[in-house]
Amino acid sequence: MLGQRKPKPTSADHQAGAWIDGRRMGPKRDKRDDKMVLYFAYGSNLDDDQMRARCSSACVVARAVLPNYALAFGGFSHRWGGAVASMVRSKGARVEGLLYGLDDVDLRALDRFEGCPFAYERVVRLVLDEHGRRRRVTTYLQPESDFEPWAPTLGYFGVLWRAYGRLGFDFKPLARAAGVAS
């Protein structure tokens, strides 16, 4: 085999989807990857233990930010006994979070944990990951039509505060959203 050349790719190789041309996106994903969804976590799902308990397939992909949104607290969670995190449109603001890869089973489980479609709506947004790459992600937002901001409980806020510290996120937007700082 030494000295033999690799066969040159043919048009049949391209038609079979061996490479996605035009945007230099690299090789075609395998079937397992096609079922993975990128999920943007910005609230209590930043907590490793909680996320592992909710979604066994979850794997951290990257840190990311959602531009032109601000962190806010509102709604009511029976589990936390008060307001929980959401995001509201805010020009020039940004929300830091984590990207997780999830399979379909865990995405449906996360829907239940997030109270989708009643407490939260599952939406698709574009984020910017830590490598400067735009990524299409799934995330959850409380419906904007009847969103009323109010302070979270100390326990819930503490979970986010610890996660922000562990991840090196900016504490100011978190404190501002909770009404701790202006």
N, C-alpha and C. Protein backbone atom coordinates (compact mmCIF):
# COMPACT_ATOMS: atom_id res chain seq x y z
N MET A 1 0.80 -1.18 0.00
CA MET A 1 0.00 0.00 0.00
C MET A 1 0.86 1.26 0.00
N LEU A 2 2.11 1.13 0.43
CA LEU A 2 2.98 2.29 0.46
C LEU A 2 3.20 2.79 -0.96
N GLY A 3 3.10 4.10 -1.13
CA GLY A 3 3.31 4.67 -2.45
C GLY A 3 2.02 4.81 -3.25
N GLN A 4 0.94 4.16 -2.79
CA GLN A 4 -0.32 4.31 -3.51
C GLN A 4 -1.00 5.61 -3.11
N ARG A 5 -1.64 6.23 -4.08
CA ARG A 5 -2.36 7.47 -3.82
C ARG A 5 -3.79 7.17 -3.42
N LYS A 6 -4.32 8.07 -2.59
CA LYS A 6 -5.74 7.98 -2.27
C LYS A 6 -6.52 8.36 -3.51
N PRO A 7 -7.65 7.70 -3.76
CA PRO A 7 -8.44 8.07 -4.93
C PRO A 7 -8.99 9.49 -4.78
N LYS A 8 -9.03 10.21 -5.89
CA LYS A 8 -9.54 11.57 -5.90
C LYS A 8 -11.06 11.52 -5.73
N PRO A 9 -11.64 12.43 -4.88
CA PRO A 9 -13.09 12.42 -4.72
C PRO A 9 -13.80 12.68 -6.04
N THR A 10 -14.88 11.97 -6.24
CA THR A 10 -15.67 12.13 -7.46
C THR A 10 -16.92 12.94 -7.17
N SER A 11 -17.65 13.30 -8.22
CA SER A 11 -18.90 14.03 -8.02
C SER A 11 -19.90 13.16 -7.27
N ALA A 12 -19.80 11.85 -7.40
CA ALA A 12 -20.69 10.96 -6.66
C ALA A 12 -20.45 11.07 -5.16
N ASP A 13 -19.17 11.28 -4.76
CA ASP A 13 -18.86 11.47 -3.35
C ASP A 13 -19.56 12.72 -2.83
N HIS A 14 -19.52 13.79 -3.60
CA HIS A 14 -20.16 15.03 -3.19
C HIS A 14 -21.67 14.87 -3.14
N GLN A 15 -22.24 14.16 -4.12
CA GLN A 15 -23.68 13.95 -4.13
C GLN A 15 -24.11 13.09 -2.95
N ALA A 16 -23.25 12.21 -2.51
CA ALA A 16 -23.58 11.35 -1.38
C ALA A 16 -23.50 12.11 -0.06
N GLY A 17 -23.08 13.37 -0.12
CA GLY A 17 -23.05 14.18 1.10
C GLY A 17 -21.77 14.05 1.89
N ALA A 18 -20.67 13.61 1.24
CA ALA A 18 -19.42 13.46 1.97
C ALA A 18 -18.94 14.80 2.53
N TRP A 19 -19.20 15.89 1.82
CA TRP A 19 -18.79 17.22 2.27
C TRP A 19 -19.90 18.20 1.97
N ILE A 20 -20.05 19.14 2.85
CA ILE A 20 -20.99 20.23 2.60
C ILE A 20 -20.18 21.33 1.97
N ASP A 21 -20.53 21.70 0.74
CA ASP A 21 -19.71 22.70 0.07
C ASP A 21 -20.29 24.09 0.27
N GLY A 22 -19.52 25.09 -0.09
CA GLY A 22 -19.99 26.46 -0.07
C GLY A 22 -19.57 27.22 1.17
N ARG A 23 -19.79 26.69 2.35
CA ARG A 23 -19.51 27.45 3.57
C ARG A 23 -18.39 26.86 4.41
N ARG A 24 -17.69 25.91 3.88
CA ARG A 24 -16.59 25.26 4.61
C ARG A 24 -17.05 24.76 5.98
N MET A 25 -18.16 24.05 5.99
CA MET A 25 -18.71 23.59 7.26
C MET A 25 -18.15 22.23 7.67
N GLY A 26 -17.35 21.62 6.82
CA GLY A 26 -16.72 20.38 7.21
C GLY A 26 -17.55 19.16 6.85
N PRO A 27 -17.18 18.01 7.44
CA PRO A 27 -17.83 16.76 7.07
C PRO A 27 -19.28 16.72 7.52
N LYS A 28 -20.03 15.91 6.81
CA LYS A 28 -21.43 15.71 7.17
C LYS A 28 -21.49 15.04 8.54
N ARG A 29 -22.45 15.46 9.35
CA ARG A 29 -22.59 14.88 10.68
C ARG A 29 -23.12 13.45 10.57
N ASP A 30 -22.73 12.61 11.54
CA ASP A 30 -23.28 11.27 11.52
C ASP A 30 -24.69 11.29 12.10
N LYS A 31 -25.41 10.20 11.98
CA LYS A 31 -26.82 10.16 12.39
C LYS A 31 -27.00 10.45 13.87
N ARG A 32 -26.08 10.02 14.69
CA ARG A 32 -26.19 10.27 16.12
C ARG A 32 -26.16 11.77 16.40
N ASP A 33 -25.25 12.51 15.74
CA ASP A 33 -25.15 13.95 15.93
C ASP A 33 -26.39 14.67 15.45
N ASP A 34 -27.05 14.15 14.40
CA ASP A 34 -28.25 14.79 13.87
C ASP A 34 -29.34 14.87 14.92
N LYS A 35 -29.33 13.95 15.87
CA LYS A 35 -30.36 13.93 16.90
C LYS A 35 -29.99 14.80 18.10
N MET A 36 -28.77 15.32 18.14
CA MET A 36 -28.36 16.18 19.25
C MET A 36 -28.87 17.59 19.01
N VAL A 37 -29.34 18.21 20.07
CA VAL A 37 -29.83 19.57 20.04
C VAL A 37 -28.91 20.41 20.91
N LEU A 38 -28.58 21.61 20.46
CA LEU A 38 -27.81 22.54 21.29
C LEU A 38 -28.79 23.32 22.15
N TYR A 39 -28.61 23.23 23.45
CA TYR A 39 -29.47 23.90 24.41
C TYR A 39 -28.66 24.98 25.13
N PHE A 40 -29.22 26.20 25.19
CA PHE A 40 -28.58 27.33 25.88
C PHE A 40 -29.18 27.45 27.27
N ALA A 41 -28.37 27.16 28.29
CA ALA A 41 -28.80 27.25 29.69
C ALA A 41 -28.29 28.56 30.27
N TYR A 42 -29.14 29.27 31.01
CA TYR A 42 -28.75 30.55 31.60
C TYR A 42 -29.27 30.71 33.03
N GLY A 43 -30.09 29.79 33.50
CA GLY A 43 -30.65 29.87 34.84
C GLY A 43 -30.12 28.75 35.71
N SER A 44 -31.00 28.10 36.46
CA SER A 44 -30.56 27.07 37.40
C SER A 44 -29.96 25.86 36.70
N ASN A 45 -30.18 25.70 35.39
CA ASN A 45 -29.55 24.59 34.67
C ASN A 45 -28.06 24.82 34.44
N LEU A 46 -27.54 25.96 34.89
CA LEU A 46 -26.09 26.14 34.91
C LEU A 46 -25.46 25.29 36.00
N ASP A 47 -26.28 24.83 36.95
CA ASP A 47 -25.81 23.98 38.04
C ASP A 47 -25.56 22.56 37.51
N ASP A 48 -24.33 22.08 37.64
CA ASP A 48 -23.95 20.76 37.12
C ASP A 48 -24.83 19.64 37.65
N ASP A 49 -25.04 19.60 38.97
CA ASP A 49 -25.81 18.51 39.57
C ASP A 49 -27.25 18.51 39.06
N GLN A 50 -27.86 19.68 38.99
CA GLN A 50 -29.25 19.74 38.51
C GLN A 50 -29.34 19.28 37.06
N MET A 51 -28.42 19.75 36.23
CA MET A 51 -28.48 19.40 34.81
C MET A 51 -28.24 17.91 34.61
N ARG A 52 -27.31 17.34 35.35
CA ARG A 52 -27.05 15.89 35.25
C ARG A 52 -28.26 15.08 35.69
N ALA A 53 -28.94 15.55 36.74
CA ALA A 53 -30.13 14.84 37.23
C ALA A 53 -31.28 14.92 36.23
N ARG A 54 -31.40 16.04 35.55
CA ARG A 54 -32.49 16.23 34.59
C ARG A 54 -32.22 15.57 33.24
N CYS A 55 -30.98 15.61 32.79
CA CYS A 55 -30.64 15.19 31.42
C CYS A 55 -29.34 14.39 31.42
N SER A 56 -29.45 13.08 31.42
CA SER A 56 -28.25 12.24 31.52
C SER A 56 -27.36 12.34 30.27
N SER A 57 -27.92 12.71 29.12
CA SER A 57 -27.11 12.81 27.91
C SER A 57 -26.39 14.15 27.79
N ALA A 58 -26.69 15.09 28.68
CA ALA A 58 -26.16 16.45 28.55
C ALA A 58 -24.65 16.47 28.63
N CYS A 59 -24.05 17.15 27.64
CA CYS A 59 -22.61 17.37 27.69
C CYS A 59 -22.36 18.83 27.35
N VAL A 60 -21.48 19.46 28.12
CA VAL A 60 -21.16 20.86 27.89
C VAL A 60 -20.40 20.97 26.58
N VAL A 61 -20.86 21.87 25.72
CA VAL A 61 -20.22 22.10 24.42
C VAL A 61 -19.35 23.35 24.47
N ALA A 62 -19.87 24.42 25.05
CA ALA A 62 -19.11 25.68 25.11
C ALA A 62 -19.86 26.69 25.97
N ARG A 63 -19.16 27.75 26.34
CA ARG A 63 -19.82 28.92 26.94
C ARG A 63 -20.34 29.76 25.78
N ALA A 64 -21.38 30.55 26.03
CA ALA A 64 -21.95 31.35 24.96
C ALA A 64 -22.67 32.56 25.54
N VAL A 65 -22.99 33.52 24.67
CA VAL A 65 -23.78 34.68 25.06
C VAL A 65 -24.92 34.86 24.07
N LEU A 66 -26.06 35.31 24.59
CA LEU A 66 -27.19 35.67 23.76
C LEU A 66 -27.25 37.20 23.73
N PRO A 67 -26.95 37.80 22.58
CA PRO A 67 -26.95 39.26 22.50
C PRO A 67 -28.36 39.84 22.45
N ASN A 68 -28.46 41.08 22.89
CA ASN A 68 -29.71 41.85 22.85
C ASN A 68 -30.83 41.26 23.70
N TYR A 69 -30.44 40.56 24.74
CA TYR A 69 -31.36 40.07 25.77
C TYR A 69 -30.72 40.38 27.12
N ALA A 70 -31.56 40.53 28.12
CA ALA A 70 -31.09 40.74 29.49
C ALA A 70 -31.72 39.68 30.39
N LEU A 71 -30.98 39.28 31.40
CA LEU A 71 -31.50 38.34 32.39
C LEU A 71 -32.59 39.04 33.20
N ALA A 72 -33.65 38.32 33.50
CA ALA A 72 -34.75 38.85 34.32
C ALA A 72 -35.31 37.71 35.16
N PHE A 73 -35.96 38.04 36.26
CA PHE A 73 -36.61 37.05 37.10
C PHE A 73 -38.10 37.35 37.13
N GLY A 74 -38.89 36.31 37.03
CA GLY A 74 -40.34 36.46 37.06
C GLY A 74 -41.00 35.10 37.12
N GLY A 75 -42.31 35.09 36.93
CA GLY A 75 -43.04 33.83 37.02
C GLY A 75 -43.03 33.30 38.43
N PHE A 76 -43.46 32.06 38.58
CA PHE A 76 -43.44 31.43 39.90
C PHE A 76 -43.11 29.96 39.74
N SER A 77 -42.14 29.50 40.50
CA SER A 77 -41.76 28.09 40.52
C SER A 77 -42.13 27.52 41.88
N HIS A 78 -42.93 26.44 41.89
CA HIS A 78 -43.25 25.77 43.15
C HIS A 78 -42.00 25.16 43.76
N ARG A 79 -41.11 24.63 42.90
CA ARG A 79 -39.88 24.01 43.39
C ARG A 79 -39.02 25.03 44.14
N TRP A 80 -38.90 26.24 43.60
CA TRP A 80 -38.04 27.25 44.19
C TRP A 80 -38.79 28.21 45.10
N GLY A 81 -40.11 28.18 45.06
CA GLY A 81 -40.90 29.03 45.94
C GLY A 81 -40.91 30.50 45.56
N GLY A 82 -40.65 30.79 44.29
CA GLY A 82 -40.66 32.19 43.86
C GLY A 82 -40.29 32.34 42.41
N ALA A 83 -39.82 33.54 42.06
CA ALA A 83 -39.46 33.88 40.68
C ALA A 83 -38.24 33.09 40.22
N VAL A 84 -38.21 32.84 38.92
CA VAL A 84 -37.10 32.12 38.30
C VAL A 84 -36.60 32.90 37.08
N ALA A 85 -35.47 32.49 36.54
CA ALA A 85 -34.81 33.22 35.47
C ALA A 85 -35.56 33.13 34.15
N SER A 86 -35.51 34.22 33.43
CA SER A 86 -35.94 34.30 32.05
C SER A 86 -35.07 35.34 31.38
N MET A 87 -35.35 35.61 30.13
CA MET A 87 -34.62 36.64 29.40
C MET A 87 -35.64 37.53 28.69
N VAL A 88 -35.34 38.82 28.67
CA VAL A 88 -36.20 39.78 27.99
C VAL A 88 -35.36 40.55 26.98
N ARG A 89 -35.98 40.97 25.90
CA ARG A 89 -35.26 41.73 24.87
C ARG A 89 -34.73 43.03 25.46
N SER A 90 -33.47 43.32 25.16
CA SER A 90 -32.85 44.54 25.66
C SER A 90 -31.66 44.87 24.78
N LYS A 91 -31.83 45.88 23.92
CA LYS A 91 -30.79 46.24 22.96
C LYS A 91 -29.47 46.56 23.67
N GLY A 92 -28.41 45.92 23.20
CA GLY A 92 -27.08 46.15 23.74
C GLY A 92 -26.72 45.28 24.93
N ALA A 93 -27.70 44.62 25.54
CA ALA A 93 -27.43 43.74 26.68
C ALA A 93 -27.00 42.36 26.15
N ARG A 94 -26.63 41.49 27.08
CA ARG A 94 -26.30 40.10 26.71
C ARG A 94 -26.45 39.21 27.93
N VAL A 95 -26.80 37.97 27.66
CA VAL A 95 -26.95 36.98 28.72
C VAL A 95 -25.90 35.89 28.50
N GLU A 96 -25.13 35.61 29.54
CA GLU A 96 -24.13 34.55 29.47
C GLU A 96 -24.77 33.22 29.84
N GLY A 97 -24.27 32.16 29.23
CA GLY A 97 -24.80 30.83 29.53
C GLY A 97 -23.89 29.74 29.02
N LEU A 98 -24.39 28.52 29.13
CA LEU A 98 -23.66 27.33 28.66
C LEU A 98 -24.45 26.66 27.55
N LEU A 99 -23.72 26.12 26.59
CA LEU A 99 -24.33 25.30 25.55
C LEU A 99 -24.15 23.84 25.95
N TYR A 100 -25.26 23.12 25.97
CA TYR A 100 -25.25 21.68 26.22
C TYR A 100 -25.72 20.97 24.96
N GLY A 101 -25.13 19.83 24.67
CA GLY A 101 -25.66 18.93 23.66
C GLY A 101 -26.61 17.97 24.35
N LEU A 102 -27.84 17.86 23.82
CA LEU A 102 -28.86 16.97 24.40
C LEU A 102 -29.43 16.07 23.33
N ASP A 103 -29.81 14.86 23.71
CA ASP A 103 -30.54 14.01 22.77
C ASP A 103 -32.04 14.32 22.86
N ASP A 104 -32.82 13.76 21.95
CA ASP A 104 -34.26 14.03 21.88
C ASP A 104 -35.00 13.64 23.16
N VAL A 105 -34.60 12.54 23.77
CA VAL A 105 -35.26 12.08 25.00
C VAL A 105 -35.07 13.11 26.11
N ASP A 106 -33.84 13.59 26.26
CA ASP A 106 -33.57 14.58 27.31
C ASP A 106 -34.20 15.93 27.00
N LEU A 107 -34.32 16.28 25.73
CA LEU A 107 -34.99 17.53 25.39
C LEU A 107 -36.47 17.47 25.81
N ARG A 108 -37.11 16.34 25.58
CA ARG A 108 -38.51 16.18 26.02
C ARG A 108 -38.61 16.20 27.54
N ALA A 109 -37.64 15.60 28.22
CA ALA A 109 -37.62 15.64 29.69
C ALA A 109 -37.43 17.07 30.17
N LEU A 110 -36.55 17.82 29.52
CA LEU A 110 -36.33 19.21 29.88
C LEU A 110 -37.59 20.04 29.67
N ASP A 111 -38.34 19.75 28.62
CA ASP A 111 -39.64 20.42 28.41
C ASP A 111 -40.51 20.28 29.66
N ARG A 112 -40.56 19.08 30.21
CA ARG A 112 -41.39 18.85 31.40
C ARG A 112 -40.84 19.62 32.61
N PHE A 113 -39.53 19.57 32.82
CA PHE A 113 -38.93 20.29 33.94
C PHE A 113 -39.16 21.80 33.83
N GLU A 114 -39.13 22.32 32.61
CA GLU A 114 -39.29 23.76 32.39
C GLU A 114 -40.76 24.18 32.30
N GLY A 115 -41.67 23.23 32.39
CA GLY A 115 -43.09 23.57 32.32
C GLY A 115 -43.51 24.06 30.95
N CYS A 116 -42.88 23.54 29.92
CA CYS A 116 -43.18 23.93 28.54
C CYS A 116 -44.44 23.22 28.07
N PRO A 117 -45.39 23.91 27.53
CA PRO A 117 -45.39 25.27 26.99
C PRO A 117 -46.10 26.29 27.88
N PHE A 118 -46.34 25.98 29.14
CA PHE A 118 -47.12 26.88 29.98
C PHE A 118 -46.26 27.91 30.72
N ALA A 119 -45.31 27.45 31.53
CA ALA A 119 -44.45 28.37 32.28
C ALA A 119 -43.38 28.98 31.36
N TYR A 120 -42.81 28.16 30.50
CA TYR A 120 -41.79 28.59 29.55
C TYR A 120 -42.18 28.12 28.15
N GLU A 121 -41.73 28.88 27.16
CA GLU A 121 -41.86 28.48 25.76
C GLU A 121 -40.48 28.05 25.28
N ARG A 122 -40.43 26.97 24.52
CA ARG A 122 -39.16 26.56 23.91
C ARG A 122 -39.01 27.37 22.62
N VAL A 123 -37.88 28.06 22.49
CA VAL A 123 -37.64 28.92 21.33
C VAL A 123 -36.26 28.64 20.75
N VAL A 124 -36.05 29.08 19.53
CA VAL A 124 -34.74 28.96 18.87
C VAL A 124 -34.17 30.36 18.75
N ARG A 125 -32.90 30.50 19.13
CA ARG A 125 -32.21 31.79 19.06
C ARG A 125 -30.79 31.56 18.53
N LEU A 126 -30.13 32.63 18.12
CA LEU A 126 -28.73 32.57 17.71
C LEU A 126 -27.87 33.13 18.83
N VAL A 127 -26.89 32.36 19.25
CA VAL A 127 -25.94 32.81 20.27
C VAL A 127 -24.56 32.87 19.65
N LEU A 128 -23.65 33.47 20.38
CA LEU A 128 -22.26 33.54 19.98
C LEU A 128 -21.47 32.72 21.00
N ASP A 129 -20.80 31.66 20.53
CA ASP A 129 -20.06 30.83 21.49
C ASP A 129 -18.71 31.45 21.81
N GLU A 130 -18.01 30.86 22.76
CA GLU A 130 -16.75 31.40 23.25
C GLU A 130 -15.66 31.43 22.19
N HIS A 131 -15.87 30.75 21.08
CA HIS A 131 -14.90 30.73 19.99
C HIS A 131 -15.27 31.72 18.89
N GLY A 132 -16.33 32.52 19.13
CA GLY A 132 -16.77 33.52 18.16
C GLY A 132 -17.67 32.98 17.08
N ARG A 133 -18.15 31.76 17.25
CA ARG A 133 -19.00 31.11 16.25
C ARG A 133 -20.47 31.30 16.58
N ARG A 134 -21.26 31.70 15.59
CA ARG A 134 -22.71 31.81 15.78
C ARG A 134 -23.32 30.41 15.78
N ARG A 135 -24.18 30.17 16.75
CA ARG A 135 -24.79 28.84 16.89
C ARG A 135 -26.30 28.98 17.05
N ARG A 136 -27.05 28.16 16.36
CA ARG A 136 -28.50 28.11 16.51
C ARG A 136 -28.80 27.17 17.68
N VAL A 137 -29.53 27.69 18.68
CA VAL A 137 -29.76 26.92 19.90
C VAL A 137 -31.23 26.91 20.27
N THR A 138 -31.57 25.97 21.10
CA THR A 138 -32.88 25.91 21.74
C THR A 138 -32.70 26.46 23.15
N THR A 139 -33.65 27.26 23.59
CA THR A 139 -33.65 27.75 24.96
C THR A 139 -35.09 27.94 25.40
N TYR A 140 -35.29 28.36 26.63
CA TYR A 140 -36.64 28.55 27.16
C TYR A 140 -36.79 29.98 27.65
N LEU A 141 -37.94 30.57 27.33
CA LEU A 141 -38.28 31.92 27.77
C LEU A 141 -39.68 31.90 28.36
N GLN A 142 -39.88 32.69 29.40
CA GLN A 142 -41.24 32.89 29.88
C GLN A 142 -41.95 33.76 28.85
N PRO A 143 -43.24 33.53 28.62
CA PRO A 143 -43.96 34.34 27.62
C PRO A 143 -43.87 35.83 27.95
N GLU A 144 -43.49 36.63 26.96
CA GLU A 144 -43.31 38.07 27.17
C GLU A 144 -44.63 38.80 27.40
N SER A 145 -45.72 38.26 26.87
CA SER A 145 -47.00 38.98 26.92
C SER A 145 -47.47 39.27 28.35
N ASP A 146 -47.22 38.35 29.26
CA ASP A 146 -47.67 38.58 30.64
C ASP A 146 -46.52 38.47 31.65
N PHE A 147 -45.29 38.75 31.21
CA PHE A 147 -44.14 38.65 32.08
C PHE A 147 -44.12 39.80 33.08
N GLU A 148 -44.02 39.47 34.35
CA GLU A 148 -43.90 40.46 35.41
C GLU A 148 -42.62 40.17 36.19
N PRO A 149 -41.65 41.08 36.14
CA PRO A 149 -40.40 40.84 36.86
C PRO A 149 -40.57 41.03 38.37
N TRP A 150 -39.93 40.16 39.13
CA TRP A 150 -39.83 40.31 40.58
C TRP A 150 -38.67 39.48 41.08
N ALA A 151 -38.26 39.71 42.29
CA ALA A 151 -37.03 39.13 42.84
C ALA A 151 -37.16 37.62 43.07
N PRO A 152 -36.07 36.89 42.83
CA PRO A 152 -36.06 35.45 43.12
C PRO A 152 -35.85 35.21 44.61
N THR A 153 -36.08 33.97 45.03
CA THR A 153 -35.78 33.61 46.41
C THR A 153 -34.26 33.56 46.59
N LEU A 154 -33.83 33.67 47.83
CA LEU A 154 -32.40 33.63 48.13
C LEU A 154 -31.79 32.30 47.70
N GLY A 155 -32.52 31.19 47.87
CA GLY A 155 -32.00 29.88 47.48
C GLY A 155 -31.76 29.78 45.99
N TYR A 156 -32.72 30.24 45.20
CA TYR A 156 -32.58 30.20 43.74
C TYR A 156 -31.45 31.13 43.29
N PHE A 157 -31.44 32.33 43.82
CA PHE A 157 -30.39 33.29 43.48
C PHE A 157 -29.01 32.71 43.81
N GLY A 158 -28.90 32.02 44.95
CA GLY A 158 -27.63 31.41 45.35
C GLY A 158 -27.12 30.38 44.37
N VAL A 159 -28.02 29.59 43.80
CA VAL A 159 -27.63 28.59 42.79
C VAL A 159 -27.00 29.29 41.60
N LEU A 160 -27.62 30.36 41.13
CA LEU A 160 -27.08 31.10 39.99
C LEU A 160 -25.78 31.80 40.34
N TRP A 161 -25.71 32.39 41.54
CA TRP A 161 -24.51 33.11 41.99
C TRP A 161 -23.30 32.16 42.00
N ARG A 162 -23.50 30.96 42.56
CA ARG A 162 -22.40 29.98 42.60
C ARG A 162 -22.00 29.55 41.19
N ALA A 163 -22.97 29.32 40.32
CA ALA A 163 -22.66 28.92 38.95
C ALA A 163 -21.92 30.03 38.21
N TYR A 164 -22.36 31.28 38.39
CA TYR A 164 -21.67 32.40 37.76
C TYR A 164 -20.22 32.47 38.23
N GLY A 165 -19.99 32.26 39.52
CA GLY A 165 -18.63 32.27 40.05
C GLY A 165 -17.78 31.15 39.47
N ARG A 166 -18.34 29.94 39.43
CA ARG A 166 -17.62 28.78 38.89
C ARG A 166 -17.26 28.97 37.43
N LEU A 167 -18.16 29.61 36.66
CA LEU A 167 -17.96 29.77 35.23
C LEU A 167 -17.23 31.05 34.85
N GLY A 168 -17.02 31.93 35.83
CA GLY A 168 -16.33 33.18 35.55
C GLY A 168 -17.20 34.20 34.83
N PHE A 169 -18.52 34.12 34.98
CA PHE A 169 -19.44 35.06 34.36
C PHE A 169 -19.44 36.38 35.13
N ASP A 170 -19.88 37.43 34.48
CA ASP A 170 -20.00 38.75 35.08
C ASP A 170 -21.20 38.75 36.04
N PHE A 171 -20.96 39.07 37.31
CA PHE A 171 -22.03 39.07 38.32
C PHE A 171 -23.00 40.25 38.19
N LYS A 172 -22.57 41.34 37.55
CA LYS A 172 -23.40 42.55 37.51
C LYS A 172 -24.78 42.33 36.89
N PRO A 173 -24.89 41.69 35.72
CA PRO A 173 -26.24 41.48 35.16
C PRO A 173 -27.13 40.62 36.06
N LEU A 174 -26.53 39.65 36.74
CA LEU A 174 -27.28 38.79 37.67
C LEU A 174 -27.80 39.61 38.84
N ALA A 175 -26.94 40.43 39.43
CA ALA A 175 -27.34 41.26 40.57
C ALA A 175 -28.39 42.29 40.13
N ARG A 176 -28.21 42.88 38.97
CA ARG A 176 -29.16 43.87 38.46
C ARG A 176 -30.53 43.23 38.25
N ALA A 177 -30.56 42.03 37.67
CA ALA A 177 -31.84 41.34 37.41
C ALA A 177 -32.57 41.02 38.71
N ALA A 178 -31.82 40.72 39.76
CA ALA A 178 -32.42 40.37 41.04
C ALA A 178 -32.76 41.60 41.88
N GLY A 179 -32.38 42.78 41.38
CA GLY A 179 -32.67 44.01 42.12
C GLY A 179 -31.67 44.29 43.22
N VAL A 180 -30.51 43.60 43.18
CA VAL A 180 -29.49 43.78 44.21
C VAL A 180 -28.61 44.98 43.89
N ALA A 181 -28.44 45.28 42.60
CA ALA A 181 -27.61 46.42 42.18
C ALA A 181 -28.30 47.14 41.04
N SER A 182 -27.97 48.39 40.85
CA SER A 182 -28.57 49.14 39.74
C SER A 182 -27.58 49.37 38.63
